[in-house]
Amino acid sequence: MEMLFFDNIDKLGRIVLTTIMIYVFIVLITKISGKRSTSQLNNFDWVVTVMIGSLGASTILLKDIPFVEGASSILVLYMLQFLVTKYASISTPFSSFILSEPRIVFYQGQFLPDAMRAERLTRQEIECAMRTEGINSFDDVEAIVFESDAKLSVIPKPSPESRSNSDITVPETIKPLM
């Protein structure tokens, strides 16, 4: 009970100094690694981000982990993330393995219950995505896609002026998903 609020000044000083060093290190590495590190996260990016946070916290709080060891492990994770995402950008099979495929969950006025169940989505979540886009009627939606980064993309129906009555086509962004 005696160490509940304070242990000793040396330990506190080490934690403060390590916190500053790890913070600066993570900010610099994130800046160098680019937008991918802070973009909308897919499952793979999320796992790496959680691991980096855990390593940072461990380096700050555990006296058995020196700064260089903690920083090295964080650097290795950033390098692995870079290599995996670089390879995924040139290899379609690897990309398909590492990333989730987008899935249509609403199409031409119909909720797709099997797709919604597989993605564990509710009707309320889909309706929320519509409201966020300022769409209030199902009749105004061509499709809603559950993306790889777990965002819902609402694809509005083309306006009557933009297509003739006899030319009913599937939007190009939806074709690969069908």
N, C-alpha and C. Protein backbone atom coordinates (compact mmCIF):
# COMPACT_ATOMS: atom_id res chain seq x y z
N MET A 1 0.82 -1.19 0.00
CA MET A 1 0.00 0.00 0.00
C MET A 1 0.87 1.26 0.00
N GLU A 2 2.12 1.14 0.49
CA GLU A 2 2.97 2.32 0.59
C GLU A 2 3.42 2.84 -0.79
N MET A 3 3.43 1.99 -1.84
CA MET A 3 3.87 2.43 -3.17
C MET A 3 2.69 2.78 -4.07
N LEU A 4 1.54 2.97 -3.50
CA LEU A 4 0.35 3.26 -4.30
C LEU A 4 0.47 4.59 -5.04
N PHE A 5 1.00 5.62 -4.40
CA PHE A 5 1.08 6.94 -5.02
C PHE A 5 2.48 7.30 -5.49
N PHE A 6 3.50 6.78 -4.85
CA PHE A 6 4.86 7.19 -5.21
C PHE A 6 5.85 6.15 -4.72
N ASP A 7 6.79 5.80 -5.60
CA ASP A 7 7.82 4.83 -5.22
C ASP A 7 9.12 5.57 -4.91
N ASN A 8 9.78 6.10 -5.96
CA ASN A 8 10.97 6.91 -5.71
C ASN A 8 11.22 7.83 -6.90
N ILE A 9 12.01 8.85 -6.65
CA ILE A 9 12.24 9.89 -7.65
C ILE A 9 13.02 9.36 -8.85
N ASP A 10 13.93 8.43 -8.65
CA ASP A 10 14.70 7.86 -9.77
C ASP A 10 13.80 7.13 -10.76
N LYS A 11 12.90 6.33 -10.22
CA LYS A 11 11.96 5.59 -11.07
C LYS A 11 11.06 6.56 -11.84
N LEU A 12 10.56 7.57 -11.17
CA LEU A 12 9.72 8.58 -11.81
C LEU A 12 10.49 9.32 -12.90
N GLY A 13 11.71 9.68 -12.62
CA GLY A 13 12.55 10.36 -13.61
C GLY A 13 12.79 9.49 -14.84
N ARG A 14 13.06 8.20 -14.63
CA ARG A 14 13.26 7.26 -15.75
C ARG A 14 12.00 7.17 -16.60
N ILE A 15 10.83 7.08 -15.96
CA ILE A 15 9.57 6.97 -16.70
C ILE A 15 9.32 8.24 -17.52
N VAL A 16 9.54 9.40 -16.92
CA VAL A 16 9.31 10.67 -17.65
C VAL A 16 10.26 10.76 -18.84
N LEU A 17 11.54 10.49 -18.62
CA LEU A 17 12.53 10.58 -19.70
C LEU A 17 12.24 9.56 -20.81
N THR A 18 11.94 8.34 -20.44
CA THR A 18 11.64 7.30 -21.43
C THR A 18 10.37 7.64 -22.20
N THR A 19 9.38 8.19 -21.52
CA THR A 19 8.13 8.58 -22.18
C THR A 19 8.42 9.62 -23.26
N ILE A 20 9.20 10.62 -22.94
CA ILE A 20 9.54 11.66 -23.91
C ILE A 20 10.29 11.05 -25.09
N MET A 21 11.26 10.21 -24.81
CA MET A 21 12.07 9.60 -25.89
C MET A 21 11.22 8.69 -26.78
N ILE A 22 10.37 7.86 -26.20
CA ILE A 22 9.52 6.96 -26.99
C ILE A 22 8.51 7.76 -27.80
N TYR A 23 7.94 8.80 -27.19
CA TYR A 23 6.98 9.65 -27.91
C TYR A 23 7.64 10.27 -29.13
N VAL A 24 8.78 10.91 -28.96
CA VAL A 24 9.49 11.54 -30.08
C VAL A 24 9.85 10.48 -31.12
N PHE A 25 10.32 9.33 -30.68
CA PHE A 25 10.71 8.27 -31.61
C PHE A 25 9.51 7.80 -32.44
N ILE A 26 8.38 7.52 -31.80
CA ILE A 26 7.19 7.04 -32.53
C ILE A 26 6.67 8.11 -33.49
N VAL A 27 6.65 9.37 -33.05
CA VAL A 27 6.20 10.45 -33.93
C VAL A 27 7.11 10.54 -35.16
N LEU A 28 8.42 10.50 -34.96
CA LEU A 28 9.36 10.57 -36.10
C LEU A 28 9.21 9.39 -37.04
N ILE A 29 9.16 8.20 -36.50
CA ILE A 29 9.03 7.00 -37.34
C ILE A 29 7.69 7.02 -38.08
N THR A 30 6.63 7.44 -37.43
CA THR A 30 5.32 7.53 -38.10
C THR A 30 5.37 8.54 -39.23
N LYS A 31 6.02 9.65 -39.00
CA LYS A 31 6.15 10.68 -40.05
C LYS A 31 6.96 10.13 -41.23
N ILE A 32 8.03 9.45 -40.95
CA ILE A 32 8.88 8.89 -42.01
C ILE A 32 8.14 7.79 -42.77
N SER A 33 7.37 6.97 -42.06
CA SER A 33 6.71 5.83 -42.71
C SER A 33 5.53 6.25 -43.58
N GLY A 34 5.04 7.46 -43.42
CA GLY A 34 4.02 7.97 -44.33
C GLY A 34 2.60 7.80 -43.85
N LYS A 35 1.69 8.17 -44.74
CA LYS A 35 0.26 8.20 -44.43
C LYS A 35 -0.30 6.85 -44.05
N ARG A 36 0.27 5.79 -44.59
CA ARG A 36 -0.26 4.46 -44.34
C ARG A 36 -0.34 4.16 -42.85
N SER A 37 0.60 4.69 -42.07
CA SER A 37 0.65 4.41 -40.63
C SER A 37 -0.50 5.04 -39.87
N THR A 38 -1.10 6.08 -40.43
CA THR A 38 -2.17 6.77 -39.71
C THR A 38 -3.46 6.84 -40.51
N SER A 39 -3.53 6.10 -41.61
CA SER A 39 -4.73 6.13 -42.44
C SER A 39 -5.84 5.30 -41.81
N GLN A 40 -6.94 5.20 -42.52
CA GLN A 40 -8.01 4.32 -42.06
C GLN A 40 -7.44 2.91 -41.96
N LEU A 41 -7.56 2.31 -40.83
CA LEU A 41 -6.87 1.06 -40.56
C LEU A 41 -7.66 -0.16 -41.02
N ASN A 42 -6.97 -1.04 -41.75
CA ASN A 42 -7.54 -2.36 -42.00
C ASN A 42 -7.08 -3.25 -40.84
N ASN A 43 -7.48 -4.51 -40.85
CA ASN A 43 -7.15 -5.39 -39.72
C ASN A 43 -5.65 -5.49 -39.49
N PHE A 44 -4.89 -5.64 -40.56
CA PHE A 44 -3.45 -5.77 -40.45
C PHE A 44 -2.82 -4.52 -39.82
N ASP A 45 -3.18 -3.35 -40.31
CA ASP A 45 -2.64 -2.10 -39.78
C ASP A 45 -3.04 -1.90 -38.31
N TRP A 46 -4.25 -2.30 -37.97
CA TRP A 46 -4.72 -2.15 -36.60
C TRP A 46 -3.88 -3.00 -35.64
N VAL A 47 -3.60 -4.24 -36.03
CA VAL A 47 -2.79 -5.13 -35.18
C VAL A 47 -1.40 -4.54 -34.96
N VAL A 48 -0.78 -4.04 -36.03
CA VAL A 48 0.55 -3.44 -35.91
C VAL A 48 0.50 -2.21 -35.00
N THR A 49 -0.52 -1.40 -35.14
CA THR A 49 -0.66 -0.20 -34.30
C THR A 49 -0.80 -0.56 -32.83
N VAL A 50 -1.59 -1.58 -32.53
CA VAL A 50 -1.75 -2.02 -31.14
C VAL A 50 -0.43 -2.56 -30.60
N MET A 51 0.29 -3.31 -31.42
CA MET A 51 1.58 -3.85 -30.99
C MET A 51 2.57 -2.73 -30.70
N ILE A 52 2.60 -1.70 -31.55
CA ILE A 52 3.51 -0.58 -31.34
C ILE A 52 3.15 0.14 -30.04
N GLY A 53 1.87 0.34 -29.79
CA GLY A 53 1.45 0.95 -28.53
C GLY A 53 1.86 0.14 -27.32
N SER A 54 1.70 -1.16 -27.43
CA SER A 54 2.07 -2.04 -26.32
C SER A 54 3.58 -2.01 -26.07
N LEU A 55 4.36 -2.05 -27.16
CA LEU A 55 5.81 -1.99 -27.01
C LEU A 55 6.25 -0.64 -26.43
N GLY A 56 5.61 0.42 -26.88
CA GLY A 56 5.93 1.74 -26.33
C GLY A 56 5.64 1.80 -24.84
N ALA A 57 4.48 1.32 -24.45
CA ALA A 57 4.11 1.34 -23.02
C ALA A 57 5.04 0.45 -22.21
N SER A 58 5.38 -0.70 -22.73
CA SER A 58 6.30 -1.59 -22.00
C SER A 58 7.67 -0.95 -21.82
N THR A 59 8.15 -0.31 -22.87
CA THR A 59 9.45 0.35 -22.79
C THR A 59 9.43 1.48 -21.77
N ILE A 60 8.33 2.18 -21.70
CA ILE A 60 8.21 3.30 -20.75
C ILE A 60 8.13 2.79 -19.31
N LEU A 61 7.33 1.78 -19.06
CA LEU A 61 7.02 1.39 -17.68
C LEU A 61 7.90 0.28 -17.10
N LEU A 62 8.45 -0.58 -17.95
CA LEU A 62 9.22 -1.71 -17.42
C LEU A 62 10.71 -1.38 -17.42
N LYS A 63 11.29 -1.37 -16.25
CA LYS A 63 12.71 -0.98 -16.14
C LYS A 63 13.63 -2.02 -16.77
N ASP A 64 13.14 -3.24 -16.99
CA ASP A 64 13.97 -4.29 -17.59
C ASP A 64 14.10 -4.13 -19.11
N ILE A 65 13.37 -3.20 -19.69
CA ILE A 65 13.43 -2.99 -21.14
C ILE A 65 14.10 -1.64 -21.41
N PRO A 66 15.37 -1.66 -21.82
CA PRO A 66 16.06 -0.39 -22.12
C PRO A 66 15.45 0.28 -23.36
N PHE A 67 15.63 1.59 -23.45
CA PHE A 67 15.09 2.37 -24.56
C PHE A 67 15.50 1.78 -25.91
N VAL A 68 16.76 1.44 -26.08
CA VAL A 68 17.26 0.95 -27.37
C VAL A 68 16.54 -0.34 -27.77
N GLU A 69 16.30 -1.23 -26.83
CA GLU A 69 15.59 -2.47 -27.14
C GLU A 69 14.14 -2.20 -27.53
N GLY A 70 13.46 -1.35 -26.77
CA GLY A 70 12.07 -1.01 -27.09
C GLY A 70 11.97 -0.30 -28.42
N ALA A 71 12.85 0.67 -28.66
CA ALA A 71 12.84 1.41 -29.92
C ALA A 71 13.16 0.48 -31.09
N SER A 72 14.08 -0.45 -30.90
CA SER A 72 14.42 -1.40 -31.96
C SER A 72 13.23 -2.27 -32.33
N SER A 73 12.51 -2.73 -31.34
CA SER A 73 11.35 -3.59 -31.63
C SER A 73 10.26 -2.79 -32.36
N ILE A 74 10.08 -1.53 -32.00
CA ILE A 74 9.10 -0.68 -32.69
C ILE A 74 9.55 -0.44 -34.13
N LEU A 75 10.82 -0.17 -34.31
CA LEU A 75 11.37 0.05 -35.65
C LEU A 75 11.20 -1.19 -36.53
N VAL A 76 11.45 -2.36 -35.98
CA VAL A 76 11.27 -3.61 -36.73
C VAL A 76 9.81 -3.77 -37.15
N LEU A 77 8.86 -3.45 -36.26
CA LEU A 77 7.45 -3.54 -36.64
C LEU A 77 7.10 -2.60 -37.79
N TYR A 78 7.61 -1.35 -37.73
CA TYR A 78 7.37 -0.41 -38.83
C TYR A 78 7.96 -0.94 -40.13
N MET A 79 9.16 -1.52 -40.05
CA MET A 79 9.79 -2.06 -41.27
C MET A 79 9.00 -3.24 -41.80
N LEU A 80 8.54 -4.11 -40.93
CA LEU A 80 7.72 -5.25 -41.37
C LEU A 80 6.42 -4.77 -42.00
N GLN A 81 5.80 -3.76 -41.40
CA GLN A 81 4.57 -3.22 -41.97
C GLN A 81 4.84 -2.64 -43.35
N PHE A 82 5.95 -1.93 -43.50
CA PHE A 82 6.31 -1.37 -44.80
C PHE A 82 6.50 -2.48 -45.82
N LEU A 83 7.26 -3.52 -45.47
CA LEU A 83 7.53 -4.62 -46.41
C LEU A 83 6.25 -5.37 -46.79
N VAL A 84 5.42 -5.64 -45.81
CA VAL A 84 4.17 -6.36 -46.09
C VAL A 84 3.25 -5.54 -46.98
N THR A 85 3.10 -4.26 -46.68
CA THR A 85 2.21 -3.42 -47.50
C THR A 85 2.80 -3.18 -48.89
N LYS A 86 4.11 -3.09 -48.98
CA LYS A 86 4.77 -2.93 -50.29
C LYS A 86 4.53 -4.18 -51.14
N TYR A 87 4.72 -5.36 -50.56
CA TYR A 87 4.50 -6.59 -51.29
C TYR A 87 3.02 -6.77 -51.64
N ALA A 88 2.14 -6.38 -50.74
CA ALA A 88 0.70 -6.48 -51.01
C ALA A 88 0.30 -5.58 -52.18
N SER A 89 1.01 -4.47 -52.36
CA SER A 89 0.67 -3.56 -53.46
C SER A 89 1.10 -4.10 -54.81
N ILE A 90 1.99 -5.09 -54.83
CA ILE A 90 2.43 -5.66 -56.12
C ILE A 90 1.97 -7.10 -56.32
N SER A 91 1.46 -7.73 -55.29
CA SER A 91 1.01 -9.12 -55.39
C SER A 91 -0.47 -9.23 -55.01
N THR A 92 -1.31 -9.44 -56.00
CA THR A 92 -2.74 -9.57 -55.75
C THR A 92 -3.07 -10.74 -54.82
N PRO A 93 -2.48 -11.94 -55.02
CA PRO A 93 -2.80 -13.03 -54.09
C PRO A 93 -2.41 -12.72 -52.64
N PHE A 94 -1.25 -12.11 -52.46
CA PHE A 94 -0.83 -11.76 -51.11
C PHE A 94 -1.74 -10.69 -50.52
N SER A 95 -2.10 -9.71 -51.34
CA SER A 95 -3.01 -8.66 -50.90
C SER A 95 -4.35 -9.25 -50.46
N SER A 96 -4.86 -10.20 -51.24
CA SER A 96 -6.13 -10.84 -50.89
C SER A 96 -6.01 -11.62 -49.58
N PHE A 97 -4.84 -12.20 -49.35
CA PHE A 97 -4.62 -12.96 -48.13
C PHE A 97 -4.55 -12.04 -46.91
N ILE A 98 -3.86 -10.92 -47.04
CA ILE A 98 -3.60 -10.05 -45.89
C ILE A 98 -4.76 -9.09 -45.60
N LEU A 99 -5.51 -8.70 -46.64
CA LEU A 99 -6.59 -7.74 -46.48
C LEU A 99 -7.95 -8.40 -46.66
N SER A 100 -8.95 -7.86 -46.02
CA SER A 100 -10.31 -8.33 -46.23
C SER A 100 -10.83 -7.79 -47.55
N GLU A 101 -11.64 -8.56 -48.22
CA GLU A 101 -12.26 -8.10 -49.46
C GLU A 101 -13.48 -7.25 -49.14
N PRO A 102 -13.71 -6.19 -49.90
CA PRO A 102 -14.95 -5.43 -49.72
C PRO A 102 -16.16 -6.32 -50.02
N ARG A 103 -17.30 -6.00 -49.40
CA ARG A 103 -18.49 -6.82 -49.62
C ARG A 103 -19.72 -5.91 -49.70
N ILE A 104 -20.55 -6.18 -50.69
CA ILE A 104 -21.81 -5.44 -50.83
C ILE A 104 -22.77 -5.96 -49.76
N VAL A 105 -23.35 -5.03 -48.99
CA VAL A 105 -24.30 -5.41 -47.93
C VAL A 105 -25.70 -4.86 -48.19
N PHE A 106 -25.82 -3.97 -49.18
CA PHE A 106 -27.11 -3.42 -49.59
C PHE A 106 -27.00 -3.14 -51.08
N TYR A 107 -28.00 -3.60 -51.84
CA TYR A 107 -27.94 -3.40 -53.29
C TYR A 107 -29.33 -3.19 -53.87
N GLN A 108 -29.51 -2.09 -54.59
CA GLN A 108 -30.75 -1.75 -55.28
C GLN A 108 -31.99 -1.96 -54.42
N GLY A 109 -31.97 -1.31 -53.26
CA GLY A 109 -33.15 -1.33 -52.39
C GLY A 109 -33.27 -2.55 -51.49
N GLN A 110 -32.32 -3.45 -51.54
CA GLN A 110 -32.42 -4.68 -50.74
C GLN A 110 -31.23 -4.84 -49.80
N PHE A 111 -31.53 -5.09 -48.54
CA PHE A 111 -30.47 -5.49 -47.61
C PHE A 111 -30.07 -6.91 -47.98
N LEU A 112 -28.81 -7.23 -47.87
CA LEU A 112 -28.32 -8.57 -48.18
C LEU A 112 -27.99 -9.27 -46.86
N PRO A 113 -28.99 -10.00 -46.31
CA PRO A 113 -28.85 -10.55 -44.95
C PRO A 113 -27.66 -11.50 -44.78
N ASP A 114 -27.35 -12.31 -45.78
CA ASP A 114 -26.21 -13.23 -45.64
C ASP A 114 -24.90 -12.45 -45.52
N ALA A 115 -24.75 -11.44 -46.35
CA ALA A 115 -23.54 -10.60 -46.30
C ALA A 115 -23.48 -9.84 -44.98
N MET A 116 -24.61 -9.30 -44.54
CA MET A 116 -24.65 -8.56 -43.28
C MET A 116 -24.30 -9.47 -42.11
N ARG A 117 -24.83 -10.68 -42.11
CA ARG A 117 -24.55 -11.64 -41.04
C ARG A 117 -23.07 -12.02 -41.05
N ALA A 118 -22.51 -12.27 -42.23
CA ALA A 118 -21.10 -12.65 -42.34
C ALA A 118 -20.18 -11.53 -41.84
N GLU A 119 -20.57 -10.29 -42.05
CA GLU A 119 -19.76 -9.14 -41.63
C GLU A 119 -20.17 -8.62 -40.26
N ARG A 120 -21.20 -9.24 -39.67
CA ARG A 120 -21.72 -8.85 -38.35
C ARG A 120 -22.15 -7.39 -38.33
N LEU A 121 -22.91 -7.00 -39.35
CA LEU A 121 -23.44 -5.64 -39.46
C LEU A 121 -24.93 -5.64 -39.18
N THR A 122 -25.39 -4.55 -38.59
CA THR A 122 -26.82 -4.39 -38.34
C THR A 122 -27.40 -3.39 -39.34
N ARG A 123 -28.70 -3.45 -39.47
CA ARG A 123 -29.40 -2.50 -40.33
C ARG A 123 -29.16 -1.06 -39.84
N GLN A 124 -29.10 -0.88 -38.53
CA GLN A 124 -28.87 0.44 -37.97
C GLN A 124 -27.51 1.01 -38.40
N GLU A 125 -26.50 0.19 -38.47
CA GLU A 125 -25.18 0.65 -38.90
C GLU A 125 -25.20 1.09 -40.37
N ILE A 126 -25.92 0.36 -41.17
CA ILE A 126 -26.03 0.70 -42.59
C ILE A 126 -26.82 2.00 -42.75
N GLU A 127 -27.90 2.13 -42.00
CA GLU A 127 -28.69 3.36 -42.05
C GLU A 127 -27.87 4.56 -41.55
N CYS A 128 -27.02 4.35 -40.56
CA CYS A 128 -26.15 5.41 -40.05
C CYS A 128 -25.21 5.89 -41.16
N ALA A 129 -24.66 4.97 -41.93
CA ALA A 129 -23.78 5.35 -43.04
C ALA A 129 -24.54 6.19 -44.07
N MET A 130 -25.79 5.84 -44.31
CA MET A 130 -26.61 6.63 -45.24
C MET A 130 -26.82 8.04 -44.71
N ARG A 131 -27.19 8.14 -43.44
CA ARG A 131 -27.42 9.46 -42.84
C ARG A 131 -26.15 10.31 -42.87
N THR A 132 -25.01 9.67 -42.61
CA THR A 132 -23.74 10.38 -42.64
C THR A 132 -23.49 10.99 -44.01
N GLU A 133 -23.92 10.31 -45.06
CA GLU A 133 -23.76 10.82 -46.43
C GLU A 133 -24.89 11.75 -46.83
N GLY A 134 -25.83 12.00 -45.92
CA GLY A 134 -26.95 12.91 -46.22
C GLY A 134 -28.02 12.27 -47.08
N ILE A 135 -28.07 10.95 -47.08
CA ILE A 135 -29.07 10.22 -47.87
C ILE A 135 -30.14 9.71 -46.92
N ASN A 136 -31.40 10.04 -47.21
CA ASN A 136 -32.49 9.71 -46.31
C ASN A 136 -33.43 8.64 -46.84
N SER A 137 -33.22 8.20 -48.07
CA SER A 137 -34.13 7.23 -48.67
C SER A 137 -33.35 6.08 -49.30
N PHE A 138 -33.83 4.87 -49.06
CA PHE A 138 -33.21 3.70 -49.68
C PHE A 138 -33.29 3.79 -51.21
N ASP A 139 -34.30 4.48 -51.70
CA ASP A 139 -34.47 4.62 -53.15
C ASP A 139 -33.34 5.42 -53.80
N ASP A 140 -32.60 6.18 -52.99
CA ASP A 140 -31.51 7.00 -53.52
C ASP A 140 -30.16 6.28 -53.51
N VAL A 141 -30.16 5.02 -53.04
CA VAL A 141 -28.91 4.27 -52.89
C VAL A 141 -28.84 3.14 -53.91
N GLU A 142 -27.74 3.11 -54.65
CA GLU A 142 -27.47 1.99 -55.56
C GLU A 142 -26.92 0.81 -54.76
N ALA A 143 -25.92 1.10 -53.91
CA ALA A 143 -25.31 0.03 -53.12
C ALA A 143 -24.61 0.61 -51.90
N ILE A 144 -24.41 -0.26 -50.92
CA ILE A 144 -23.58 0.08 -49.76
C ILE A 144 -22.56 -1.05 -49.63
N VAL A 145 -21.29 -0.65 -49.55
CA VAL A 145 -20.19 -1.61 -49.52
C VAL A 145 -19.48 -1.52 -48.17
N PHE A 146 -19.25 -2.67 -47.56
CA PHE A 146 -18.45 -2.75 -46.34
C PHE A 146 -17.01 -2.93 -46.79
N GLU A 147 -16.19 -1.90 -46.59
CA GLU A 147 -14.84 -1.85 -47.15
C GLU A 147 -13.82 -2.60 -46.30
N SER A 148 -12.63 -2.77 -46.85
CA SER A 148 -11.53 -3.46 -46.15
C SER A 148 -11.14 -2.77 -44.86
N ASP A 149 -11.34 -1.46 -44.78
CA ASP A 149 -10.98 -0.72 -43.58
C ASP A 149 -12.16 -0.59 -42.61
N ALA A 150 -13.19 -1.40 -42.81
CA ALA A 150 -14.38 -1.46 -41.95
C ALA A 150 -15.25 -0.22 -42.04
N LYS A 151 -15.11 0.56 -43.08
CA LYS A 151 -15.99 1.70 -43.32
C LYS A 151 -17.09 1.26 -44.28
N LEU A 152 -18.23 1.91 -44.17
CA LEU A 152 -19.33 1.65 -45.09
C LEU A 152 -19.35 2.74 -46.15
N SER A 153 -19.22 2.34 -47.42
CA SER A 153 -19.27 3.29 -48.53
C SER A 153 -20.66 3.25 -49.14
N VAL A 154 -21.29 4.41 -49.22
CA VAL A 154 -22.62 4.51 -49.80
C VAL A 154 -22.47 5.01 -51.23
N ILE A 155 -22.98 4.23 -52.17
CA ILE A 155 -22.91 4.60 -53.58
C ILE A 155 -24.32 5.01 -54.01
N PRO A 156 -24.49 6.31 -54.25
CA PRO A 156 -25.83 6.79 -54.63
C PRO A 156 -26.21 6.34 -56.03
N LYS A 157 -27.52 6.26 -56.25
CA LYS A 157 -28.00 5.95 -57.60
C LYS A 157 -27.64 7.11 -58.51
N PRO A 158 -27.33 6.80 -59.77
CA PRO A 158 -27.08 7.90 -60.71
C PRO A 158 -28.35 8.72 -60.89
N SER A 159 -28.17 9.99 -61.09
CA SER A 159 -29.34 10.85 -61.30
C SER A 159 -29.96 10.53 -62.66
N PRO A 160 -31.27 10.75 -62.80
CA PRO A 160 -31.94 10.44 -64.07
C PRO A 160 -31.33 11.21 -65.25
N GLU A 161 -30.80 12.38 -64.99
CA GLU A 161 -30.21 13.17 -66.07
C GLU A 161 -28.91 12.55 -66.58
N SER A 162 -28.21 11.80 -65.72
CA SER A 162 -26.91 11.28 -66.11
C SER A 162 -26.98 9.96 -66.88
N ARG A 163 -28.17 9.40 -67.00
CA ARG A 163 -28.31 8.16 -67.79
C ARG A 163 -29.65 8.15 -68.50
N SER A 164 -29.69 7.51 -69.63
CA SER A 164 -30.95 7.41 -70.35
C SER A 164 -31.77 6.27 -69.76
N ASN A 165 -33.06 6.26 -70.03
CA ASN A 165 -33.94 5.24 -69.46
C ASN A 165 -33.57 3.83 -69.90
N SER A 166 -33.04 3.67 -71.11
CA SER A 166 -32.73 2.33 -71.60
C SER A 166 -31.34 1.86 -71.18
N ASP A 167 -30.53 2.76 -70.63
CA ASP A 167 -29.16 2.42 -70.27
C ASP A 167 -29.02 2.24 -68.77
N ILE A 168 -29.36 1.04 -68.27
CA ILE A 168 -29.23 0.75 -66.86
C ILE A 168 -28.00 -0.14 -66.70
N THR A 169 -26.95 0.40 -66.09
CA THR A 169 -25.71 -0.35 -65.93
C THR A 169 -25.30 -0.39 -64.48
N VAL A 170 -24.48 -1.37 -64.15
CA VAL A 170 -23.92 -1.49 -62.81
C VAL A 170 -22.74 -0.53 -62.71
N PRO A 171 -22.68 0.29 -61.66
CA PRO A 171 -21.56 1.21 -61.51
C PRO A 171 -20.22 0.47 -61.53
N GLU A 172 -19.21 1.10 -62.12
CA GLU A 172 -17.90 0.47 -62.28
C GLU A 172 -17.27 0.06 -60.95
N THR A 173 -17.51 0.81 -59.89
CA THR A 173 -16.90 0.48 -58.61
C THR A 173 -17.54 -0.73 -57.95
N ILE A 174 -18.73 -1.11 -58.42
CA ILE A 174 -19.41 -2.26 -57.83
C ILE A 174 -19.17 -3.54 -58.64
N LYS A 175 -18.94 -3.43 -59.94
CA LYS A 175 -18.77 -4.60 -60.80
C LYS A 175 -17.81 -5.66 -60.24
N PRO A 176 -16.62 -5.27 -59.76
CA PRO A 176 -15.71 -6.31 -59.27
C PRO A 176 -16.21 -7.07 -58.04
N LEU A 177 -17.17 -6.50 -57.34
CA LEU A 177 -17.67 -7.12 -56.11
C LEU A 177 -18.81 -8.10 -56.36
N MET A 178 -19.32 -8.08 -57.58
CA MET A 178 -20.49 -8.92 -57.87
C MET A 178 -20.09 -10.29 -58.37
